[in-house]
Protein backbone atom coordinates (compact mmCIF):
# COMPACT_ATOMS: atom_id res chain seq x y z
CA UNK A 1 0.00 0.00 0.00
CA UNK A 2 1.44 3.36 -1.01
CA UNK A 3 0.57 6.54 0.81
CA UNK A 4 0.81 9.97 -0.74
CA UNK A 5 0.02 13.31 0.76
CA UNK A 6 -1.49 16.20 -1.14
CA UNK A 7 -0.32 18.67 1.52
CA UNK A 8 2.95 18.88 3.44
CA UNK A 9 2.99 17.00 6.73
CA UNK A 10 4.45 19.93 8.61
CA UNK A 11 4.67 23.69 8.67
CA UNK A 12 7.35 25.83 10.24
CA UNK A 13 6.54 28.29 13.02
CA UNK A 14 8.81 30.01 15.52
CA UNK A 15 8.26 28.47 18.95
CA UNK A 16 10.08 27.67 22.14
CA UNK A 17 9.73 23.92 22.64
CA UNK A 18 11.66 22.96 25.74
CA UNK A 19 15.24 21.80 25.43
CA UNK A 20 14.55 19.43 22.54
CA UNK A 21 14.58 22.15 19.91
CA UNK A 22 16.22 25.00 21.76
CA UNK A 23 14.43 28.13 22.82
CA UNK A 24 14.18 30.71 20.05
CA UNK A 25 14.90 28.27 17.20
CA UNK A 26 12.37 27.48 14.51
CA UNK A 27 10.44 24.37 15.42
CA UNK A 28 8.34 22.27 13.11
CA UNK A 29 4.71 21.88 14.09
CA UNK A 30 2.95 18.74 12.91
CA UNK A 31 -0.52 18.93 11.39
CA UNK A 32 -1.98 15.64 12.61
CA UNK A 33 -5.01 16.02 10.33
CA UNK A 34 -2.61 15.60 7.38
CA UNK A 35 -1.18 12.32 8.69
CA UNK A 36 -2.52 8.80 8.12
CA UNK A 37 -5.19 8.19 10.74
CA UNK A 38 -3.30 5.29 12.32
CA UNK A 39 -0.40 7.51 13.48
CA UNK A 40 -2.36 10.56 14.63
CA UNK A 41 -2.13 11.37 18.33
CA UNK A 42 -5.38 11.31 20.31
CA UNK A 43 -7.24 14.54 21.02
CA UNK A 44 -6.01 16.49 24.03
CA UNK A 45 -2.30 16.09 23.23
CA UNK A 46 0.00 19.08 22.68
CA UNK A 47 3.24 18.90 20.75
CA UNK A 48 6.17 19.48 23.09
CA UNK A 49 9.18 18.68 20.91
CA UNK A 50 10.42 17.80 17.44
CA UNK A 51 13.74 16.15 16.65
CA UNK A 52 15.58 14.90 13.58
CA UNK A 53 17.12 11.45 13.96
CA UNK A 54 20.00 9.99 11.98
CA UNK A 55 21.40 6.59 12.76
CA UNK A 56 21.29 2.89 12.05
CA UNK A 57 18.88 0.03 12.49
CA UNK A 58 20.43 -3.37 13.12
CA UNK A 59 19.00 -6.52 11.57
CA UNK A 60 20.03 -10.15 12.14
CA UNK A 61 19.54 -13.12 9.84
CA UNK A 62 17.35 -15.54 11.82
CA UNK A 63 14.99 -18.44 11.36
CA UNK A 64 11.48 -17.33 10.49
CA UNK A 65 9.00 -17.86 13.30
CA UNK A 66 7.86 -21.49 13.49
CA UNK A 67 10.35 -22.57 10.81
CA UNK A 68 13.67 -24.38 10.90
CA UNK A 69 14.54 -24.03 7.22
CA UNK A 70 13.30 -20.53 6.27
CA UNK A 71 15.18 -17.37 7.21
CA UNK A 72 14.62 -13.61 7.32
CA UNK A 73 16.30 -10.38 8.38
CA UNK A 74 14.82 -9.64 11.82
CA UNK A 75 14.94 -6.23 13.50
CA UNK A 76 17.32 -6.10 16.49
CA UNK A 77 17.43 -2.45 17.53
CA UNK A 78 18.12 1.21 16.72
CA UNK A 79 20.93 3.62 17.49
CA UNK A 80 20.45 7.24 16.45
CA UNK A 81 21.38 10.78 17.35
CA UNK A 82 18.51 13.20 17.96
CA UNK A 83 19.10 16.75 16.76
CA UNK A 84 17.18 20.01 16.93
CA UNK A 85 15.97 21.66 13.75
CA UNK A 86 19.09 23.84 14.02
CA UNK A 87 21.35 20.77 13.98
CA UNK A 88 22.33 20.77 17.68
CA UNK A 89 22.60 17.30 19.24
CA UNK A 90 19.80 17.13 21.82
CA UNK A 91 19.64 13.42 22.65
CA UNK A 92 19.80 9.84 21.53
CA UNK A 93 17.49 7.01 20.56
CA UNK A 94 18.28 3.37 21.31
CA UNK A 95 16.81 -0.06 22.05
CA UNK A 96 13.89 -0.22 24.41
CA UNK A 97 12.78 1.81 22.48
CA UNK A 98 14.25 4.70 24.48
CA UNK A 99 14.45 8.40 23.70
CA UNK A 100 16.95 10.13 25.99
CA UNK A 101 17.52 13.89 26.15
CA UNK A 102 20.97 15.29 26.87
CA UNK A 103 19.40 16.76 30.05
CA UNK A 104 19.22 13.15 31.35
CA UNK A 105 15.45 12.71 31.14
CA UNK A 106 14.21 9.77 29.10
CA UNK A 107 11.13 7.90 28.04
CA UNK A 108 10.39 4.42 26.72
CA UNK A 109 7.27 3.33 24.92
CA UNK A 110 5.17 0.72 23.17
CA UNK A 111 4.19 0.84 19.51
CA UNK A 112 0.47 1.41 19.02
CA UNK A 113 0.28 1.69 15.22
CA UNK A 114 2.22 2.00 11.99
CA UNK A 115 1.45 3.35 8.54
CA UNK A 116 3.49 2.81 5.37
CA UNK A 117 6.34 5.23 4.81
CA UNK A 118 7.76 6.26 1.46
CA UNK A 119 8.99 3.46 -0.82
CA UNK A 120 12.23 2.03 0.59
CA UNK A 121 11.61 3.53 4.05
CA UNK A 122 10.52 2.10 7.37
CA UNK A 123 6.90 2.83 8.36
CA UNK A 124 5.57 5.87 10.16
CA UNK A 125 4.80 4.99 13.77
CA UNK A 126 2.74 6.02 16.80
CA UNK A 127 4.13 5.10 20.23
CA UNK A 128 2.41 5.34 23.61
CA UNK A 129 5.01 6.51 26.12
CA UNK A 130 5.56 4.83 29.46
CA UNK A 131 6.05 7.08 32.50
CA UNK A 132 9.15 9.21 31.92
CA UNK A 133 12.32 9.12 34.00
CA UNK A 134 14.02 12.28 35.25
CA UNK A 135 13.09 15.93 35.21
CA UNK A 136 13.69 17.57 31.87
CA UNK A 137 12.38 17.74 28.33
CA UNK A 138 11.08 14.13 28.33
CA UNK A 139 9.13 14.56 31.57
CA UNK A 140 5.44 13.75 31.08
CA UNK A 141 5.79 12.83 27.38
CA UNK A 142 2.69 10.80 26.54
CA UNK A 143 3.01 9.98 22.80
CA UNK A 144 5.78 9.88 20.21
CA UNK A 145 5.40 9.86 16.44
CA UNK A 146 8.01 8.71 13.91
CA UNK A 147 7.49 10.66 10.68
CA UNK A 148 9.28 11.51 7.43
CA UNK A 149 11.22 8.24 7.38
CA UNK A 150 14.08 7.61 4.95
CA UNK A 151 15.77 4.20 4.57
CA UNK A 152 16.06 1.71 7.39
CA UNK A 153 14.37 -1.24 5.71
CA UNK A 154 15.75 -4.76 6.16
CA UNK A 155 18.75 -5.58 3.98
CA UNK A 156 18.20 -6.95 0.48
CA UNK A 157 21.14 -9.32 1.07
CA UNK A 158 20.85 -13.10 1.10
CA UNK A 159 19.65 -14.53 4.41
CA UNK A 160 19.90 -18.30 4.71
CA UNK A 161 21.58 -21.01 6.75
CA UNK A 162 25.04 -19.70 5.75
CA UNK A 163 24.18 -16.16 6.94
CA UNK A 164 22.31 -17.17 10.10
CA UNK A 165 23.49 -14.99 13.01
CA UNK A 166 25.04 -12.32 10.79
CA UNK A 167 24.08 -8.73 11.55
CA UNK A 168 23.74 -5.79 9.21
CA UNK A 169 23.35 -2.10 10.04
CA UNK A 170 21.12 -0.04 7.76
CA UNK A 171 21.21 3.76 7.73
CA UNK A 172 17.96 5.60 8.40
CA UNK A 173 16.59 9.05 9.12
CA UNK A 174 13.30 10.04 10.72
CA UNK A 175 11.65 12.82 12.62
CA UNK A 176 10.46 12.08 16.16
CA UNK A 177 7.66 14.26 17.50
CA UNK A 178 6.88 14.35 21.22
CA UNK A 179 3.53 15.14 22.85
CA UNK A 180 2.29 15.82 26.35
CA UNK A 181 -1.28 15.76 27.63
CA UNK A 182 -3.02 19.16 27.39
CA UNK A 183 -0.17 21.53 28.15
C-alpha atoms as a PDB file:
ATOM      1  CA  UNK A   1       0.000   0.000   0.000  1.00  0.00           C
ATOM      2  CA  UNK A   2       1.443   3.363  -1.014  1.00  0.00           C
ATOM      3  CA  UNK A   3       0.573   6.542   0.814  1.00  0.00           C
ATOM      4  CA  UNK A   4       0.809   9.966  -0.745  1.00  0.00           C
ATOM      5  CA  UNK A   5       0.023  13.309   0.757  1.00  0.00           C
ATOM      6  CA  UNK A   6      -1.491  16.204  -1.138  1.00  0.00           C
ATOM      7  CA  UNK A   7      -0.324  18.665   1.522  1.00  0.00           C
ATOM      8  CA  UNK A   8       2.949  18.876   3.437  1.00  0.00           C
ATOM      9  CA  UNK A   9       2.990  16.999   6.733  1.00  0.00           C
ATOM     10  CA  UNK A  10       4.446  19.931   8.614  1.00  0.00           C
ATOM     11  CA  UNK A  11       4.671  23.688   8.666  1.00  0.00           C
ATOM     12  CA  UNK A  12       7.353  25.835  10.237  1.00  0.00           C
ATOM     13  CA  UNK A  13       6.544  28.291  13.022  1.00  0.00           C
ATOM     14  CA  UNK A  14       8.811  30.010  15.516  1.00  0.00           C
ATOM     15  CA  UNK A  15       8.256  28.470  18.947  1.00  0.00           C
ATOM     16  CA  UNK A  16      10.076  27.672  22.138  1.00  0.00           C
ATOM     17  CA  UNK A  17       9.731  23.918  22.638  1.00  0.00           C
ATOM     18  CA  UNK A  18      11.661  22.959  25.737  1.00  0.00           C
ATOM     19  CA  UNK A  19      15.235  21.798  25.430  1.00  0.00           C
ATOM     20  CA  UNK A  20      14.547  19.434  22.542  1.00  0.00           C
ATOM     21  CA  UNK A  21      14.578  22.147  19.913  1.00  0.00           C
ATOM     22  CA  UNK A  22      16.218  24.996  21.763  1.00  0.00           C
ATOM     23  CA  UNK A  23      14.428  28.131  22.818  1.00  0.00           C
ATOM     24  CA  UNK A  24      14.185  30.709  20.049  1.00  0.00           C
ATOM     25  CA  UNK A  25      14.898  28.272  17.201  1.00  0.00           C
ATOM     26  CA  UNK A  26      12.372  27.485  14.510  1.00  0.00           C
ATOM     27  CA  UNK A  27      10.435  24.372  15.415  1.00  0.00           C
ATOM     28  CA  UNK A  28       8.337  22.274  13.106  1.00  0.00           C
ATOM     29  CA  UNK A  29       4.714  21.883  14.085  1.00  0.00           C
ATOM     30  CA  UNK A  30       2.946  18.738  12.910  1.00  0.00           C
ATOM     31  CA  UNK A  31      -0.516  18.933  11.392  1.00  0.00           C
ATOM     32  CA  UNK A  32      -1.982  15.640  12.607  1.00  0.00           C
ATOM     33  CA  UNK A  33      -5.011  16.017  10.327  1.00  0.00           C
ATOM     34  CA  UNK A  34      -2.610  15.600   7.376  1.00  0.00           C
ATOM     35  CA  UNK A  35      -1.179  12.316   8.686  1.00  0.00           C
ATOM     36  CA  UNK A  36      -2.521   8.804   8.118  1.00  0.00           C
ATOM     37  CA  UNK A  37      -5.192   8.190  10.739  1.00  0.00           C
ATOM     38  CA  UNK A  38      -3.297   5.286  12.322  1.00  0.00           C
ATOM     39  CA  UNK A  39      -0.402   7.510  13.476  1.00  0.00           C
ATOM     40  CA  UNK A  40      -2.357  10.555  14.631  1.00  0.00           C
ATOM     41  CA  UNK A  41      -2.133  11.370  18.331  1.00  0.00           C
ATOM     42  CA  UNK A  42      -5.380  11.313  20.312  1.00  0.00           C
ATOM     43  CA  UNK A  43      -7.244  14.539  21.020  1.00  0.00           C
ATOM     44  CA  UNK A  44      -6.009  16.492  24.030  1.00  0.00           C
ATOM     45  CA  UNK A  45      -2.299  16.086  23.230  1.00  0.00           C
ATOM     46  CA  UNK A  46       0.001  19.082  22.679  1.00  0.00           C
ATOM     47  CA  UNK A  47       3.239  18.903  20.747  1.00  0.00           C
ATOM     48  CA  UNK A  48       6.165  19.480  23.093  1.00  0.00           C
ATOM     49  CA  UNK A  49       9.176  18.683  20.910  1.00  0.00           C
ATOM     50  CA  UNK A  50      10.422  17.799  17.444  1.00  0.00           C
ATOM     51  CA  UNK A  51      13.744  16.148  16.648  1.00  0.00           C
ATOM     52  CA  UNK A  52      15.577  14.898  13.578  1.00  0.00           C
ATOM     53  CA  UNK A  53      17.121  11.450  13.962  1.00  0.00           C
ATOM     54  CA  UNK A  54      20.001   9.988  11.977  1.00  0.00           C
ATOM     55  CA  UNK A  55      21.405   6.587  12.756  1.00  0.00           C
ATOM     56  CA  UNK A  56      21.295   2.893  12.049  1.00  0.00           C
ATOM     57  CA  UNK A  57      18.875   0.030  12.492  1.00  0.00           C
ATOM     58  CA  UNK A  58      20.425  -3.367  13.124  1.00  0.00           C
ATOM     59  CA  UNK A  59      18.997  -6.520  11.566  1.00  0.00           C
ATOM     60  CA  UNK A  60      20.033 -10.151  12.139  1.00  0.00           C
ATOM     61  CA  UNK A  61      19.541 -13.115   9.841  1.00  0.00           C
ATOM     62  CA  UNK A  62      17.354 -15.540  11.824  1.00  0.00           C
ATOM     63  CA  UNK A  63      14.987 -18.436  11.357  1.00  0.00           C
ATOM     64  CA  UNK A  64      11.485 -17.325  10.488  1.00  0.00           C
ATOM     65  CA  UNK A  65       9.003 -17.859  13.295  1.00  0.00           C
ATOM     66  CA  UNK A  66       7.863 -21.494  13.493  1.00  0.00           C
ATOM     67  CA  UNK A  67      10.347 -22.573  10.813  1.00  0.00           C
ATOM     68  CA  UNK A  68      13.668 -24.384  10.903  1.00  0.00           C
ATOM     69  CA  UNK A  69      14.536 -24.033   7.220  1.00  0.00           C
ATOM     70  CA  UNK A  70      13.296 -20.525   6.268  1.00  0.00           C
ATOM     71  CA  UNK A  71      15.175 -17.365   7.211  1.00  0.00           C
ATOM     72  CA  UNK A  72      14.616 -13.605   7.323  1.00  0.00           C
ATOM     73  CA  UNK A  73      16.298 -10.377   8.378  1.00  0.00           C
ATOM     74  CA  UNK A  74      14.820  -9.637  11.824  1.00  0.00           C
ATOM     75  CA  UNK A  75      14.937  -6.226  13.498  1.00  0.00           C
ATOM     76  CA  UNK A  76      17.317  -6.102  16.490  1.00  0.00           C
ATOM     77  CA  UNK A  77      17.426  -2.449  17.528  1.00  0.00           C
ATOM     78  CA  UNK A  78      18.115   1.207  16.720  1.00  0.00           C
ATOM     79  CA  UNK A  79      20.935   3.621  17.485  1.00  0.00           C
ATOM     80  CA  UNK A  80      20.452   7.243  16.449  1.00  0.00           C
ATOM     81  CA  UNK A  81      21.383  10.780  17.353  1.00  0.00           C
ATOM     82  CA  UNK A  82      18.507  13.201  17.960  1.00  0.00           C
ATOM     83  CA  UNK A  83      19.101  16.752  16.760  1.00  0.00           C
ATOM     84  CA  UNK A  84      17.182  20.009  16.930  1.00  0.00           C
ATOM     85  CA  UNK A  85      15.966  21.660  13.751  1.00  0.00           C
ATOM     86  CA  UNK A  86      19.086  23.836  14.022  1.00  0.00           C
ATOM     87  CA  UNK A  87      21.353  20.770  13.981  1.00  0.00           C
ATOM     88  CA  UNK A  88      22.327  20.769  17.675  1.00  0.00           C
ATOM     89  CA  UNK A  89      22.598  17.295  19.236  1.00  0.00           C
ATOM     90  CA  UNK A  90      19.802  17.130  21.818  1.00  0.00           C
ATOM     91  CA  UNK A  91      19.644  13.425  22.652  1.00  0.00           C
ATOM     92  CA  UNK A  92      19.804   9.843  21.528  1.00  0.00           C
ATOM     93  CA  UNK A  93      17.487   7.010  20.562  1.00  0.00           C
ATOM     94  CA  UNK A  94      18.283   3.373  21.308  1.00  0.00           C
ATOM     95  CA  UNK A  95      16.813  -0.056  22.050  1.00  0.00           C
ATOM     96  CA  UNK A  96      13.892  -0.219  24.406  1.00  0.00           C
ATOM     97  CA  UNK A  97      12.782   1.810  22.480  1.00  0.00           C
ATOM     98  CA  UNK A  98      14.250   4.696  24.484  1.00  0.00           C
ATOM     99  CA  UNK A  99      14.448   8.401  23.703  1.00  0.00           C
ATOM    100  CA  UNK A 100      16.947  10.133  25.990  1.00  0.00           C
ATOM    101  CA  UNK A 101      17.524  13.888  26.152  1.00  0.00           C
ATOM    102  CA  UNK A 102      20.969  15.292  26.872  1.00  0.00           C
ATOM    103  CA  UNK A 103      19.402  16.759  30.052  1.00  0.00           C
ATOM    104  CA  UNK A 104      19.218  13.154  31.352  1.00  0.00           C
ATOM    105  CA  UNK A 105      15.451  12.709  31.143  1.00  0.00           C
ATOM    106  CA  UNK A 106      14.208   9.768  29.096  1.00  0.00           C
ATOM    107  CA  UNK A 107      11.127   7.898  28.043  1.00  0.00           C
ATOM    108  CA  UNK A 108      10.392   4.421  26.718  1.00  0.00           C
ATOM    109  CA  UNK A 109       7.270   3.329  24.916  1.00  0.00           C
ATOM    110  CA  UNK A 110       5.167   0.721  23.166  1.00  0.00           C
ATOM    111  CA  UNK A 111       4.191   0.837  19.513  1.00  0.00           C
ATOM    112  CA  UNK A 112       0.468   1.413  19.016  1.00  0.00           C
ATOM    113  CA  UNK A 113       0.277   1.687  15.222  1.00  0.00           C
ATOM    114  CA  UNK A 114       2.215   2.004  11.990  1.00  0.00           C
ATOM    115  CA  UNK A 115       1.450   3.350   8.542  1.00  0.00           C
ATOM    116  CA  UNK A 116       3.490   2.811   5.375  1.00  0.00           C
ATOM    117  CA  UNK A 117       6.339   5.227   4.806  1.00  0.00           C
ATOM    118  CA  UNK A 118       7.761   6.262   1.458  1.00  0.00           C
ATOM    119  CA  UNK A 119       8.987   3.456  -0.817  1.00  0.00           C
ATOM    120  CA  UNK A 120      12.227   2.033   0.588  1.00  0.00           C
ATOM    121  CA  UNK A 121      11.610   3.534   4.050  1.00  0.00           C
ATOM    122  CA  UNK A 122      10.519   2.096   7.374  1.00  0.00           C
ATOM    123  CA  UNK A 123       6.901   2.830   8.358  1.00  0.00           C
ATOM    124  CA  UNK A 124       5.575   5.867  10.161  1.00  0.00           C
ATOM    125  CA  UNK A 125       4.804   4.993  13.774  1.00  0.00           C
ATOM    126  CA  UNK A 126       2.741   6.018  16.800  1.00  0.00           C
ATOM    127  CA  UNK A 127       4.132   5.096  20.231  1.00  0.00           C
ATOM    128  CA  UNK A 128       2.410   5.343  23.610  1.00  0.00           C
ATOM    129  CA  UNK A 129       5.005   6.512  26.122  1.00  0.00           C
ATOM    130  CA  UNK A 130       5.563   4.831  29.458  1.00  0.00           C
ATOM    131  CA  UNK A 131       6.051   7.079  32.503  1.00  0.00           C
ATOM    132  CA  UNK A 132       9.151   9.207  31.925  1.00  0.00           C
ATOM    133  CA  UNK A 133      12.323   9.120  34.002  1.00  0.00           C
ATOM    134  CA  UNK A 134      14.023  12.281  35.249  1.00  0.00           C
ATOM    135  CA  UNK A 135      13.090  15.929  35.212  1.00  0.00           C
ATOM    136  CA  UNK A 136      13.694  17.571  31.866  1.00  0.00           C
ATOM    137  CA  UNK A 137      12.376  17.744  28.333  1.00  0.00           C
ATOM    138  CA  UNK A 138      11.082  14.131  28.328  1.00  0.00           C
ATOM    139  CA  UNK A 139       9.134  14.560  31.568  1.00  0.00           C
ATOM    140  CA  UNK A 140       5.442  13.749  31.081  1.00  0.00           C
ATOM    141  CA  UNK A 141       5.793  12.827  27.377  1.00  0.00           C
ATOM    142  CA  UNK A 142       2.691  10.799  26.544  1.00  0.00           C
ATOM    143  CA  UNK A 143       3.014   9.979  22.804  1.00  0.00           C
ATOM    144  CA  UNK A 144       5.779   9.883  20.209  1.00  0.00           C
ATOM    145  CA  UNK A 145       5.404   9.856  16.438  1.00  0.00           C
ATOM    146  CA  UNK A 146       8.008   8.708  13.908  1.00  0.00           C
ATOM    147  CA  UNK A 147       7.491  10.658  10.681  1.00  0.00           C
ATOM    148  CA  UNK A 148       9.279  11.507   7.430  1.00  0.00           C
ATOM    149  CA  UNK A 149      11.218   8.240   7.382  1.00  0.00           C
ATOM    150  CA  UNK A 150      14.079   7.608   4.954  1.00  0.00           C
ATOM    151  CA  UNK A 151      15.771   4.204   4.569  1.00  0.00           C
ATOM    152  CA  UNK A 152      16.062   1.710   7.393  1.00  0.00           C
ATOM    153  CA  UNK A 153      14.372  -1.243   5.709  1.00  0.00           C
ATOM    154  CA  UNK A 154      15.746  -4.762   6.158  1.00  0.00           C
ATOM    155  CA  UNK A 155      18.755  -5.578   3.977  1.00  0.00           C
ATOM    156  CA  UNK A 156      18.204  -6.949   0.485  1.00  0.00           C
ATOM    157  CA  UNK A 157      21.137  -9.321   1.066  1.00  0.00           C
ATOM    158  CA  UNK A 158      20.845 -13.096   1.102  1.00  0.00           C
ATOM    159  CA  UNK A 159      19.652 -14.531   4.407  1.00  0.00           C
ATOM    160  CA  UNK A 160      19.901 -18.299   4.711  1.00  0.00           C
ATOM    161  CA  UNK A 161      21.575 -21.008   6.745  1.00  0.00           C
ATOM    162  CA  UNK A 162      25.038 -19.699   5.751  1.00  0.00           C
ATOM    163  CA  UNK A 163      24.176 -16.155   6.940  1.00  0.00           C
ATOM    164  CA  UNK A 164      22.313 -17.170  10.097  1.00  0.00           C
ATOM    165  CA  UNK A 165      23.489 -14.990  13.006  1.00  0.00           C
ATOM    166  CA  UNK A 166      25.042 -12.321  10.789  1.00  0.00           C
ATOM    167  CA  UNK A 167      24.083  -8.728  11.548  1.00  0.00           C
ATOM    168  CA  UNK A 168      23.737  -5.790   9.206  1.00  0.00           C
ATOM    169  CA  UNK A 169      23.346  -2.105  10.036  1.00  0.00           C
ATOM    170  CA  UNK A 170      21.119  -0.040   7.764  1.00  0.00           C
ATOM    171  CA  UNK A 171      21.210   3.765   7.732  1.00  0.00           C
ATOM    172  CA  UNK A 172      17.960   5.602   8.401  1.00  0.00           C
ATOM    173  CA  UNK A 173      16.587   9.048   9.118  1.00  0.00           C
ATOM    174  CA  UNK A 174      13.305  10.035  10.720  1.00  0.00           C
ATOM    175  CA  UNK A 175      11.652  12.823  12.620  1.00  0.00           C
ATOM    176  CA  UNK A 176      10.456  12.083  16.163  1.00  0.00           C
ATOM    177  CA  UNK A 177       7.656  14.258  17.505  1.00  0.00           C
ATOM    178  CA  UNK A 178       6.884  14.346  21.220  1.00  0.00           C
ATOM    179  CA  UNK A 179       3.526  15.144  22.852  1.00  0.00           C
ATOM    180  CA  UNK A 180       2.287  15.819  26.347  1.00  0.00           C
ATOM    181  CA  UNK A 181      -1.279  15.762  27.630  1.00  0.00           C
ATOM    182  CA  UNK A 182      -3.023  19.160  27.390  1.00  0.00           C
ATOM    183  CA  UNK A 183      -0.172  21.526  28.155  1.00  0.00           C
END
